[in-house]
Amino acid sequence: METEMLRNFLGVCGLINIAMLTLWWVVFMLAHDWIYKMHTKWFKLSEEKFDSIHYACIAFFKLSIFLFNVVPYFALLIVA
Protein backbone atom coordinates (compact mmCIF):
# COMPACT_ATOMS: atom_id res chain seq x y z
CA MET A 1 0.00 0.00 0.00
CA GLU A 2 2.87 2.40 0.72
CA THR A 3 4.27 1.99 -2.79
CA GLU A 4 0.89 2.70 -4.35
CA MET A 5 0.38 5.79 -2.18
CA LEU A 6 3.86 7.09 -3.04
CA ARG A 7 3.26 6.43 -6.74
CA ASN A 8 -0.05 8.32 -6.60
CA PHE A 9 1.63 11.18 -4.74
CA LEU A 10 4.39 11.44 -7.34
CA GLY A 11 1.86 11.30 -10.16
CA VAL A 12 -0.22 14.13 -8.71
CA CYS A 13 2.89 16.20 -7.94
CA GLY A 14 4.13 15.65 -11.47
CA LEU A 15 0.84 16.79 -12.97
CA ILE A 16 0.71 19.89 -10.76
CA ASN A 17 4.32 20.78 -11.59
CA ILE A 18 3.78 20.26 -15.33
CA ALA A 19 0.71 22.51 -15.12
CA MET A 20 2.77 25.18 -13.34
CA LEU A 21 5.53 24.87 -15.94
CA THR A 22 3.01 25.22 -18.76
CA LEU A 23 1.40 28.24 -17.11
CA TRP A 24 4.83 29.86 -16.63
CA TRP A 25 5.68 29.33 -20.29
CA VAL A 26 2.30 30.62 -21.53
CA VAL A 27 2.44 33.73 -19.35
CA PHE A 28 6.05 34.34 -20.39
CA MET A 29 5.14 34.08 -24.07
CA LEU A 30 1.93 36.14 -23.93
CA ALA A 31 2.97 38.82 -21.41
CA HIS A 32 6.70 39.00 -22.16
CA ASP A 33 6.90 42.78 -22.52
CA TRP A 34 4.87 43.46 -19.39
CA ILE A 35 6.95 41.06 -17.29
CA TYR A 36 10.16 42.53 -18.69
CA LYS A 37 9.08 46.09 -17.89
CA MET A 38 8.09 45.07 -14.38
CA HIS A 39 11.45 43.42 -13.71
CA THR A 40 13.49 46.27 -15.17
CA LYS A 41 11.99 48.55 -12.54
CA TRP A 42 13.90 46.51 -9.93
CA PHE A 43 16.92 45.24 -11.86
CA LYS A 44 19.07 46.50 -14.71
CA LEU A 45 18.63 43.76 -17.29
CA SER A 46 18.93 43.69 -21.02
CA GLU A 47 16.12 41.91 -22.81
CA GLU A 48 18.51 39.18 -23.95
CA LYS A 49 19.72 38.58 -20.39
CA PHE A 50 16.14 38.54 -19.12
CA ASP A 51 15.16 35.96 -21.74
CA SER A 52 18.18 33.77 -21.06
CA ILE A 53 17.50 33.79 -17.31
CA HIS A 54 13.88 32.78 -17.83
CA TYR A 55 14.71 30.06 -20.36
CA ALA A 56 17.41 28.67 -18.07
CA CYS A 57 15.00 28.62 -15.12
CA ILE A 58 12.29 26.97 -17.21
CA ALA A 59 14.79 24.33 -18.35
CA PHE A 60 15.95 23.73 -14.76
CA PHE A 61 12.37 23.42 -13.54
CA LYS A 62 11.52 20.98 -16.35
CA LEU A 63 14.60 18.89 -15.58
CA SER A 64 13.72 18.89 -11.87
CA ILE A 65 10.17 17.73 -12.61
CA PHE A 66 11.47 14.81 -14.65
CA LEU A 67 14.16 13.86 -12.15
CA PHE A 68 12.08 14.14 -8.98
CA ASN A 69 8.54 13.30 -10.13
CA VAL A 70 8.24 11.60 -13.50
CA VAL A 71 11.18 9.17 -13.36
CA PRO A 72 10.42 7.94 -9.80
CA TYR A 73 6.74 7.58 -10.77
CA PHE A 74 7.59 5.32 -13.72
CA ALA A 75 10.16 3.42 -11.65
CA LEU A 76 7.51 2.64 -9.05
CA LEU A 77 5.06 1.78 -11.81
CA ILE A 78 7.52 -0.77 -13.22
CA VAL A 79 8.51 -2.24 -9.83
CA ALA A 80 5.04 -2.55 -8.33
C-alpha atoms as a PDB file:
ATOM      1  CA  MET A   1       0.000   0.000   0.000  1.00  0.00           C
ATOM      2  CA  GLU A   2       2.865   2.402   0.722  1.00  0.00           C
ATOM      3  CA  THR A   3       4.269   1.994  -2.787  1.00  0.00           C
ATOM      4  CA  GLU A   4       0.886   2.703  -4.350  1.00  0.00           C
ATOM      5  CA  MET A   5       0.379   5.788  -2.177  1.00  0.00           C
ATOM      6  CA  LEU A   6       3.863   7.086  -3.036  1.00  0.00           C
ATOM      7  CA  ARG A   7       3.262   6.427  -6.738  1.00  0.00           C
ATOM      8  CA  ASN A   8      -0.053   8.317  -6.602  1.00  0.00           C
ATOM      9  CA  PHE A   9       1.626  11.177  -4.740  1.00  0.00           C
ATOM     10  CA  LEU A  10       4.394  11.437  -7.341  1.00  0.00           C
ATOM     11  CA  GLY A  11       1.857  11.300 -10.158  1.00  0.00           C
ATOM     12  CA  VAL A  12      -0.223  14.132  -8.711  1.00  0.00           C
ATOM     13  CA  CYS A  13       2.887  16.201  -7.936  1.00  0.00           C
ATOM     14  CA  GLY A  14       4.126  15.651 -11.469  1.00  0.00           C
ATOM     15  CA  LEU A  15       0.839  16.793 -12.969  1.00  0.00           C
ATOM     16  CA  ILE A  16       0.714  19.889 -10.760  1.00  0.00           C
ATOM     17  CA  ASN A  17       4.318  20.776 -11.594  1.00  0.00           C
ATOM     18  CA  ILE A  18       3.781  20.257 -15.326  1.00  0.00           C
ATOM     19  CA  ALA A  19       0.707  22.513 -15.124  1.00  0.00           C
ATOM     20  CA  MET A  20       2.773  25.180 -13.339  1.00  0.00           C
ATOM     21  CA  LEU A  21       5.526  24.870 -15.942  1.00  0.00           C
ATOM     22  CA  THR A  22       3.015  25.221 -18.762  1.00  0.00           C
ATOM     23  CA  LEU A  23       1.396  28.237 -17.106  1.00  0.00           C
ATOM     24  CA  TRP A  24       4.829  29.864 -16.629  1.00  0.00           C
ATOM     25  CA  TRP A  25       5.677  29.328 -20.293  1.00  0.00           C
ATOM     26  CA  VAL A  26       2.304  30.620 -21.534  1.00  0.00           C
ATOM     27  CA  VAL A  27       2.442  33.734 -19.354  1.00  0.00           C
ATOM     28  CA  PHE A  28       6.049  34.344 -20.392  1.00  0.00           C
ATOM     29  CA  MET A  29       5.137  34.077 -24.075  1.00  0.00           C
ATOM     30  CA  LEU A  30       1.927  36.137 -23.925  1.00  0.00           C
ATOM     31  CA  ALA A  31       2.974  38.817 -21.415  1.00  0.00           C
ATOM     32  CA  HIS A  32       6.701  38.999 -22.157  1.00  0.00           C
ATOM     33  CA  ASP A  33       6.897  42.781 -22.524  1.00  0.00           C
ATOM     34  CA  TRP A  34       4.866  43.463 -19.393  1.00  0.00           C
ATOM     35  CA  ILE A  35       6.954  41.064 -17.289  1.00  0.00           C
ATOM     36  CA  TYR A  36      10.161  42.531 -18.694  1.00  0.00           C
ATOM     37  CA  LYS A  37       9.075  46.094 -17.891  1.00  0.00           C
ATOM     38  CA  MET A  38       8.086  45.071 -14.376  1.00  0.00           C
ATOM     39  CA  HIS A  39      11.448  43.415 -13.713  1.00  0.00           C
ATOM     40  CA  THR A  40      13.488  46.270 -15.166  1.00  0.00           C
ATOM     41  CA  LYS A  41      11.991  48.552 -12.536  1.00  0.00           C
ATOM     42  CA  TRP A  42      13.896  46.510  -9.933  1.00  0.00           C
ATOM     43  CA  PHE A  43      16.920  45.237 -11.856  1.00  0.00           C
ATOM     44  CA  LYS A  44      19.068  46.502 -14.706  1.00  0.00           C
ATOM     45  CA  LEU A  45      18.633  43.764 -17.289  1.00  0.00           C
ATOM     46  CA  SER A  46      18.930  43.691 -21.022  1.00  0.00           C
ATOM     47  CA  GLU A  47      16.116  41.907 -22.806  1.00  0.00           C
ATOM     48  CA  GLU A  48      18.511  39.177 -23.954  1.00  0.00           C
ATOM     49  CA  LYS A  49      19.723  38.582 -20.393  1.00  0.00           C
ATOM     50  CA  PHE A  50      16.138  38.535 -19.119  1.00  0.00           C
ATOM     51  CA  ASP A  51      15.157  35.958 -21.744  1.00  0.00           C
ATOM     52  CA  SER A  52      18.179  33.772 -21.061  1.00  0.00           C
ATOM     53  CA  ILE A  53      17.498  33.794 -17.306  1.00  0.00           C
ATOM     54  CA  HIS A  54      13.879  32.778 -17.833  1.00  0.00           C
ATOM     55  CA  TYR A  55      14.709  30.065 -20.359  1.00  0.00           C
ATOM     56  CA  ALA A  56      17.414  28.671 -18.066  1.00  0.00           C
ATOM     57  CA  CYS A  57      14.998  28.617 -15.122  1.00  0.00           C
ATOM     58  CA  ILE A  58      12.290  26.968 -17.215  1.00  0.00           C
ATOM     59  CA  ALA A  59      14.794  24.330 -18.354  1.00  0.00           C
ATOM     60  CA  PHE A  60      15.954  23.734 -14.760  1.00  0.00           C
ATOM     61  CA  PHE A  61      12.367  23.417 -13.538  1.00  0.00           C
ATOM     62  CA  LYS A  62      11.525  20.982 -16.347  1.00  0.00           C
ATOM     63  CA  LEU A  63      14.600  18.887 -15.583  1.00  0.00           C
ATOM     64  CA  SER A  64      13.719  18.888 -11.870  1.00  0.00           C
ATOM     65  CA  ILE A  65      10.171  17.727 -12.614  1.00  0.00           C
ATOM     66  CA  PHE A  66      11.466  14.811 -14.651  1.00  0.00           C
ATOM     67  CA  LEU A  67      14.164  13.857 -12.147  1.00  0.00           C
ATOM     68  CA  PHE A  68      12.082  14.139  -8.978  1.00  0.00           C
ATOM     69  CA  ASN A  69       8.537  13.302 -10.130  1.00  0.00           C
ATOM     70  CA  VAL A  70       8.237  11.598 -13.504  1.00  0.00           C
ATOM     71  CA  VAL A  71      11.183   9.166 -13.363  1.00  0.00           C
ATOM     72  CA  PRO A  72      10.423   7.943  -9.800  1.00  0.00           C
ATOM     73  CA  TYR A  73       6.744   7.580 -10.765  1.00  0.00           C
ATOM     74  CA  PHE A  74       7.588   5.325 -13.722  1.00  0.00           C
ATOM     75  CA  ALA A  75      10.165   3.422 -11.651  1.00  0.00           C
ATOM     76  CA  LEU A  76       7.515   2.639  -9.051  1.00  0.00           C
ATOM     77  CA  LEU A  77       5.065   1.776 -11.809  1.00  0.00           C
ATOM     78  CA  ILE A  78       7.523  -0.771 -13.219  1.00  0.00           C
ATOM     79  CA  VAL A  79       8.506  -2.237  -9.828  1.00  0.00           C
ATOM     80  CA  ALA A  80       5.036  -2.554  -8.326  1.00  0.00           C
END
